[in-house]
Amino acid sequence: MGSRSRSDQPAGAALNARKASFAPVVDGNTRVLILGSLPGEASLAVGRYYANPRNQFWRLVGGVIAGDLPSQDYHARLSALLGHGIGLWDAIGSATRMGSLDTAIRDVKANALADLAMALPQLRAVAFNGAKAAAIGAPQLAGMEAVELVRLPSSSPAHAALSFNEKLAQWLSLRKFLL
């Protein structure tokens, strides 16, 4: 009756295990905080935000700062974001999910978004990368008068309703907060 070994677990049990977000990437100069929902499987496997090469995040945010982020290594990408006043985190602290789709997220425990936002003295906007991030994060931040909430189309390859250029046109709205 002891604990089960991995081989005794039902198929998919490990894939549907509780998954957790990464630490926030912010500093005292963060003016825009971009919130995703929860890292996907590719990101969790390597411990990096937006690691799926089909995810358009690095191209989109690169357009915002007029930089070629996809050609840089991960740490240079993060440094470039921070250097332009952009921080990253996720609306969801932990959840269960089979695969990487936001529609499969269950048993959500949200990150303490308001606490982080209040600790960022230069914060002007919180941008939600997709509908799930907005649904979880916006209610927590609704009372913050000095911070604008911006809903963006998801950078996920699963969100194909808009072309890259249509998404980029909306993501470029973040520029006004970085000036």
C-alpha atoms as a PDB file:
ATOM      1  CA  MET A   1       0.000   0.000   0.000  1.00  0.00           C
ATOM      2  CA  GLY A   2       2.931   2.469  -0.212  1.00  0.00           C
ATOM      3  CA  SER A   3       3.279   5.220  -2.755  1.00  0.00           C
ATOM      4  CA  ARG A   4       2.930   4.443  -6.426  1.00  0.00           C
ATOM      5  CA  SER A   5       5.948   4.332  -8.663  1.00  0.00           C
ATOM      6  CA  ARG A   6       5.889   6.336 -11.876  1.00  0.00           C
ATOM      7  CA  SER A   7       5.141   3.240 -13.921  1.00  0.00           C
ATOM      8  CA  ASP A   8       2.077   2.521 -11.738  1.00  0.00           C
ATOM      9  CA  GLN A   9       0.537   5.967 -12.336  1.00  0.00           C
ATOM     10  CA  PRO A  10      -2.298   6.291 -14.819  1.00  0.00           C
ATOM     11  CA  ALA A  11      -1.259   7.385 -18.312  1.00  0.00           C
ATOM     12  CA  GLY A  12      -0.983  11.192 -18.461  1.00  0.00           C
ATOM     13  CA  ALA A  13      -0.812  11.640 -14.680  1.00  0.00           C
ATOM     14  CA  ALA A  14       2.561  13.394 -14.863  1.00  0.00           C
ATOM     15  CA  LEU A  15       1.343  15.621 -17.693  1.00  0.00           C
ATOM     16  CA  ASN A  16      -1.671  16.654 -15.640  1.00  0.00           C
ATOM     17  CA  ALA A  17       0.426  17.370 -12.542  1.00  0.00           C
ATOM     18  CA  ARG A  18       0.321  20.734 -10.817  1.00  0.00           C
ATOM     19  CA  LYS A  19       2.381  23.270 -12.744  1.00  0.00           C
ATOM     20  CA  ALA A  20       3.797  26.505 -11.380  1.00  0.00           C
ATOM     21  CA  SER A  21       4.800  29.839 -12.851  1.00  0.00           C
ATOM     22  CA  PHE A  22       8.330  31.172 -12.857  1.00  0.00           C
ATOM     23  CA  ALA A  23       9.589  34.024 -10.709  1.00  0.00           C
ATOM     24  CA  PRO A  24       8.730  37.497 -12.003  1.00  0.00           C
ATOM     25  CA  VAL A  25      11.290  39.281 -14.174  1.00  0.00           C
ATOM     26  CA  VAL A  26      11.019  42.894 -12.976  1.00  0.00           C
ATOM     27  CA  ASP A  27      13.075  45.684 -11.491  1.00  0.00           C
ATOM     28  CA  GLY A  28      12.451  49.119 -10.023  1.00  0.00           C
ATOM     29  CA  ASN A  29      12.245  50.640 -13.517  1.00  0.00           C
ATOM     30  CA  THR A  30       9.488  48.353 -14.803  1.00  0.00           C
ATOM     31  CA  ARG A  31       6.831  50.510 -16.477  1.00  0.00           C
ATOM     32  CA  VAL A  32       4.928  47.745 -18.284  1.00  0.00           C
ATOM     33  CA  LEU A  33       4.299  44.324 -16.769  1.00  0.00           C
ATOM     34  CA  ILE A  34       3.267  41.680 -19.310  1.00  0.00           C
ATOM     35  CA  LEU A  35       1.336  38.805 -17.782  1.00  0.00           C
ATOM     36  CA  GLY A  36       0.871  35.452 -19.449  1.00  0.00           C
ATOM     37  CA  SER A  37      -1.411  32.764 -18.086  1.00  0.00           C
ATOM     38  CA  LEU A  38       0.904  29.863 -17.123  1.00  0.00           C
ATOM     39  CA  PRO A  39       4.053  28.597 -18.865  1.00  0.00           C
ATOM     40  CA  GLY A  40       3.447  25.900 -21.469  1.00  0.00           C
ATOM     41  CA  GLU A  41       5.147  22.515 -21.547  1.00  0.00           C
ATOM     42  CA  ALA A  42       8.081  23.697 -23.695  1.00  0.00           C
ATOM     43  CA  SER A  43       8.758  26.576 -21.306  1.00  0.00           C
ATOM     44  CA  LEU A  44       8.434  24.415 -18.202  1.00  0.00           C
ATOM     45  CA  ALA A  45      10.836  21.847 -19.676  1.00  0.00           C
ATOM     46  CA  VAL A  46      13.622  24.424 -20.019  1.00  0.00           C
ATOM     47  CA  GLY A  47      12.638  26.889 -17.271  1.00  0.00           C
ATOM     48  CA  ARG A  48      12.269  29.853 -19.641  1.00  0.00           C
ATOM     49  CA  TYR A  49       9.421  32.153 -20.529  1.00  0.00           C
ATOM     50  CA  TYR A  50       7.969  31.635 -24.034  1.00  0.00           C
ATOM     51  CA  ALA A  51      10.293  28.790 -25.064  1.00  0.00           C
ATOM     52  CA  ASN A  52       7.969  27.315 -27.708  1.00  0.00           C
ATOM     53  CA  PRO A  53       9.536  28.502 -30.989  1.00  0.00           C
ATOM     54  CA  ARG A  54       6.049  28.809 -32.537  1.00  0.00           C
ATOM     55  CA  ASN A  55       4.943  31.267 -29.853  1.00  0.00           C
ATOM     56  CA  GLN A  56       5.119  34.789 -31.269  1.00  0.00           C
ATOM     57  CA  PHE A  57       5.869  36.534 -27.964  1.00  0.00           C
ATOM     58  CA  TRP A  58       9.515  37.418 -28.654  1.00  0.00           C
ATOM     59  CA  ARG A  59       8.683  38.721 -32.148  1.00  0.00           C
ATOM     60  CA  LEU A  60       5.744  40.768 -30.831  1.00  0.00           C
ATOM     61  CA  VAL A  61       7.541  42.349 -27.885  1.00  0.00           C
ATOM     62  CA  GLY A  62      10.583  42.825 -30.100  1.00  0.00           C
ATOM     63  CA  GLY A  63       8.336  44.906 -32.346  1.00  0.00           C
ATOM     64  CA  VAL A  64       7.292  46.988 -29.349  1.00  0.00           C
ATOM     65  CA  ILE A  65      10.903  47.842 -28.462  1.00  0.00           C
ATOM     66  CA  ALA A  66      12.137  47.817 -32.101  1.00  0.00           C
ATOM     67  CA  GLY A  67      14.619  45.023 -31.378  1.00  0.00           C
ATOM     68  CA  ASP A  68      15.364  41.632 -32.895  1.00  0.00           C
ATOM     69  CA  LEU A  69      14.778  39.587 -29.745  1.00  0.00           C
ATOM     70  CA  PRO A  70      14.380  36.157 -31.410  1.00  0.00           C
ATOM     71  CA  SER A  71      18.017  36.260 -32.583  1.00  0.00           C
ATOM     72  CA  GLN A  72      19.319  36.854 -29.038  1.00  0.00           C
ATOM     73  CA  ASP A  73      19.930  34.283 -26.335  1.00  0.00           C
ATOM     74  CA  TYR A  74      17.382  34.055 -23.527  1.00  0.00           C
ATOM     75  CA  HIS A  75      19.285  36.108 -20.954  1.00  0.00           C
ATOM     76  CA  ALA A  76      19.952  38.881 -23.482  1.00  0.00           C
ATOM     77  CA  ARG A  77      16.214  38.931 -24.276  1.00  0.00           C
ATOM     78  CA  LEU A  78      15.341  39.389 -20.612  1.00  0.00           C
ATOM     79  CA  SER A  79      17.988  42.102 -20.230  1.00  0.00           C
ATOM     80  CA  ALA A  80      16.615  43.916 -23.291  1.00  0.00           C
ATOM     81  CA  LEU A  81      13.090  43.832 -21.851  1.00  0.00           C
ATOM     82  CA  LEU A  82      14.210  45.153 -18.475  1.00  0.00           C
ATOM     83  CA  GLY A  83      16.325  47.793 -20.195  1.00  0.00           C
ATOM     84  CA  HIS A  84      13.195  49.049 -21.948  1.00  0.00           C
ATOM     85  CA  GLY A  85      11.062  49.001 -18.781  1.00  0.00           C
ATOM     86  CA  ILE A  86       9.193  45.755 -19.513  1.00  0.00           C
ATOM     87  CA  GLY A  87       8.705  43.021 -16.941  1.00  0.00           C
ATOM     88  CA  LEU A  88       7.248  39.505 -17.228  1.00  0.00           C
ATOM     89  CA  TRP A  89       5.216  37.251 -15.003  1.00  0.00           C
ATOM     90  CA  ASP A  90       2.131  35.056 -15.092  1.00  0.00           C
ATOM     91  CA  ALA A  91      -1.351  35.657 -13.745  1.00  0.00           C
ATOM     92  CA  ILE A  92      -1.524  32.059 -12.521  1.00  0.00           C
ATOM     93  CA  GLY A  93       0.811  30.935  -9.746  1.00  0.00           C
ATOM     94  CA  SER A  94      -0.054  27.279 -10.124  1.00  0.00           C
ATOM     95  CA  ALA A  95      -2.701  25.064 -11.688  1.00  0.00           C
ATOM     96  CA  THR A  96      -3.264  21.645 -13.140  1.00  0.00           C
ATOM     97  CA  ARG A  97      -3.222  21.358 -16.902  1.00  0.00           C
ATOM     98  CA  MET A  98      -2.927  18.593 -19.472  1.00  0.00           C
ATOM     99  CA  GLY A  99      -0.711  19.936 -22.255  1.00  0.00           C
ATOM    100  CA  SER A 100      -0.205  23.643 -22.900  1.00  0.00           C
ATOM    101  CA  LEU A 101      -3.610  25.023 -23.860  1.00  0.00           C
ATOM    102  CA  ASP A 102      -5.179  27.655 -21.606  1.00  0.00           C
ATOM    103  CA  THR A 103      -8.550  25.948 -22.055  1.00  0.00           C
ATOM    104  CA  ALA A 104      -7.164  22.934 -20.160  1.00  0.00           C
ATOM    105  CA  ILE A 105      -6.153  24.929 -17.056  1.00  0.00           C
ATOM    106  CA  ARG A 106      -7.920  23.780 -13.877  1.00  0.00           C
ATOM    107  CA  ASP A 107      -7.653  24.334 -10.112  1.00  0.00           C
ATOM    108  CA  VAL A 108      -6.113  27.813 -10.435  1.00  0.00           C
ATOM    109  CA  LYS A 109      -4.183  29.539  -7.680  1.00  0.00           C
ATOM    110  CA  ALA A 110      -3.459  33.076  -8.836  1.00  0.00           C
ATOM    111  CA  ASN A 111      -0.195  34.913  -8.305  1.00  0.00           C
ATOM    112  CA  ALA A 112      -0.250  37.907  -5.940  1.00  0.00           C
ATOM    113  CA  LEU A 113      -0.420  40.418  -8.781  1.00  0.00           C
ATOM    114  CA  ALA A 114      -1.559  43.422  -6.762  1.00  0.00           C
ATOM    115  CA  ASP A 115       1.308  42.948  -4.316  1.00  0.00           C
ATOM    116  CA  LEU A 116       3.838  42.910  -7.144  1.00  0.00           C
ATOM    117  CA  ALA A 117       2.237  45.871  -8.910  1.00  0.00           C
ATOM    118  CA  MET A 118       2.313  47.940  -5.716  1.00  0.00           C
ATOM    119  CA  ALA A 119       6.022  47.149  -5.321  1.00  0.00           C
ATOM    120  CA  LEU A 120       6.864  48.580  -8.766  1.00  0.00           C
ATOM    121  CA  PRO A 121       7.074  52.376  -8.345  1.00  0.00           C
ATOM    122  CA  GLN A 122       7.315  53.166 -12.091  1.00  0.00           C
ATOM    123  CA  LEU A 123       4.533  50.807 -13.218  1.00  0.00           C
ATOM    124  CA  ARG A 124       2.174  52.461 -15.709  1.00  0.00           C
ATOM    125  CA  ALA A 125       0.445  49.476 -17.341  1.00  0.00           C
ATOM    126  CA  VAL A 126      -0.216  45.784 -16.940  1.00  0.00           C
ATOM    127  CA  ALA A 127      -0.688  43.992 -20.248  1.00  0.00           C
ATOM    128  CA  PHE A 128      -2.445  40.637 -20.431  1.00  0.00           C
ATOM    129  CA  ASN A 129      -1.101  38.260 -23.062  1.00  0.00           C
ATOM    130  CA  GLY A 130      -4.379  36.557 -23.943  1.00  0.00           C
ATOM    131  CA  ALA A 131      -7.863  36.130 -22.559  1.00  0.00           C
ATOM    132  CA  LYS A 132      -7.013  33.648 -19.781  1.00  0.00           C
ATOM    133  CA  ALA A 133      -4.366  35.947 -18.298  1.00  0.00           C
ATOM    134  CA  ALA A 134      -6.872  38.820 -18.382  1.00  0.00           C
ATOM    135  CA  ALA A 135      -9.656  36.741 -16.831  1.00  0.00           C
ATOM    136  CA  ILE A 136      -7.441  35.756 -13.888  1.00  0.00           C
ATOM    137  CA  GLY A 137      -5.412  38.951 -13.522  1.00  0.00           C
ATOM    138  CA  ALA A 138      -7.703  41.873 -14.293  1.00  0.00           C
ATOM    139  CA  PRO A 139     -10.036  41.371 -11.305  1.00  0.00           C
ATOM    140  CA  GLN A 140      -7.046  41.513  -8.933  1.00  0.00           C
ATOM    141  CA  LEU A 141      -5.821  44.797 -10.403  1.00  0.00           C
ATOM    142  CA  ALA A 142      -9.113  46.519 -11.146  1.00  0.00           C
ATOM    143  CA  GLY A 143      -8.820  49.012  -8.264  1.00  0.00           C
ATOM    144  CA  MET A 144      -5.353  50.323  -9.160  1.00  0.00           C
ATOM    145  CA  GLU A 145      -6.046  53.821 -10.467  1.00  0.00           C
ATOM    146  CA  ALA A 146      -2.522  54.701 -11.596  1.00  0.00           C
ATOM    147  CA  VAL A 147      -2.084  51.528 -13.654  1.00  0.00           C
ATOM    148  CA  GLU A 148      -3.786  50.974 -16.999  1.00  0.00           C
ATOM    149  CA  LEU A 149      -4.907  47.434 -17.829  1.00  0.00           C
ATOM    150  CA  VAL A 150      -4.301  46.417 -21.446  1.00  0.00           C
ATOM    151  CA  ARG A 151      -5.784  43.286 -22.994  1.00  0.00           C
ATOM    152  CA  LEU A 152      -3.667  41.943 -25.847  1.00  0.00           C
ATOM    153  CA  PRO A 153      -4.273  39.102 -28.294  1.00  0.00           C
ATOM    154  CA  SER A 154      -2.436  35.964 -27.238  1.00  0.00           C
ATOM    155  CA  SER A 155       1.004  35.318 -28.676  1.00  0.00           C
ATOM    156  CA  SER A 156       0.246  31.586 -28.547  1.00  0.00           C
ATOM    157  CA  PRO A 157       0.313  29.573 -31.770  1.00  0.00           C
ATOM    158  CA  ALA A 158      -3.111  28.275 -30.710  1.00  0.00           C
ATOM    159  CA  HIS A 159      -4.541  31.787 -31.187  1.00  0.00           C
ATOM    160  CA  ALA A 160      -4.646  31.881 -34.976  1.00  0.00           C
ATOM    161  CA  ALA A 161      -7.724  34.112 -35.374  1.00  0.00           C
ATOM    162  CA  LEU A 162      -5.433  37.088 -36.043  1.00  0.00           C
ATOM    163  CA  SER A 163      -2.386  37.331 -38.280  1.00  0.00           C
ATOM    164  CA  PHE A 164       0.963  38.291 -36.803  1.00  0.00           C
ATOM    165  CA  ASN A 165       0.605  41.840 -38.182  1.00  0.00           C
ATOM    166  CA  GLU A 166      -2.878  42.199 -36.682  1.00  0.00           C
ATOM    167  CA  LYS A 167      -1.540  41.089 -33.297  1.00  0.00           C
ATOM    168  CA  LEU A 168       1.478  43.381 -33.589  1.00  0.00           C
ATOM    169  CA  ALA A 169      -0.739  46.395 -34.294  1.00  0.00           C
ATOM    170  CA  GLN A 170      -2.381  45.855 -30.891  1.00  0.00           C
ATOM    171  CA  TRP A 171       0.860  45.044 -29.068  1.00  0.00           C
ATOM    172  CA  LEU A 172       2.389  48.314 -30.304  1.00  0.00           C
ATOM    173  CA  SER A 173      -0.059  50.142 -28.021  1.00  0.00           C
ATOM    174  CA  LEU A 174       2.406  49.351 -25.199  1.00  0.00           C
ATOM    175  CA  ARG A 175       4.947  51.827 -26.570  1.00  0.00           C
ATOM    176  CA  LYS A 176       3.165  54.840 -25.079  1.00  0.00           C
ATOM    177  CA  PHE A 177       3.782  53.498 -21.560  1.00  0.00           C
ATOM    178  CA  LEU A 178       7.509  53.105 -22.155  1.00  0.00           C
ATOM    179  CA  LEU A 179       8.252  56.742 -23.009  1.00  0.00           C
END
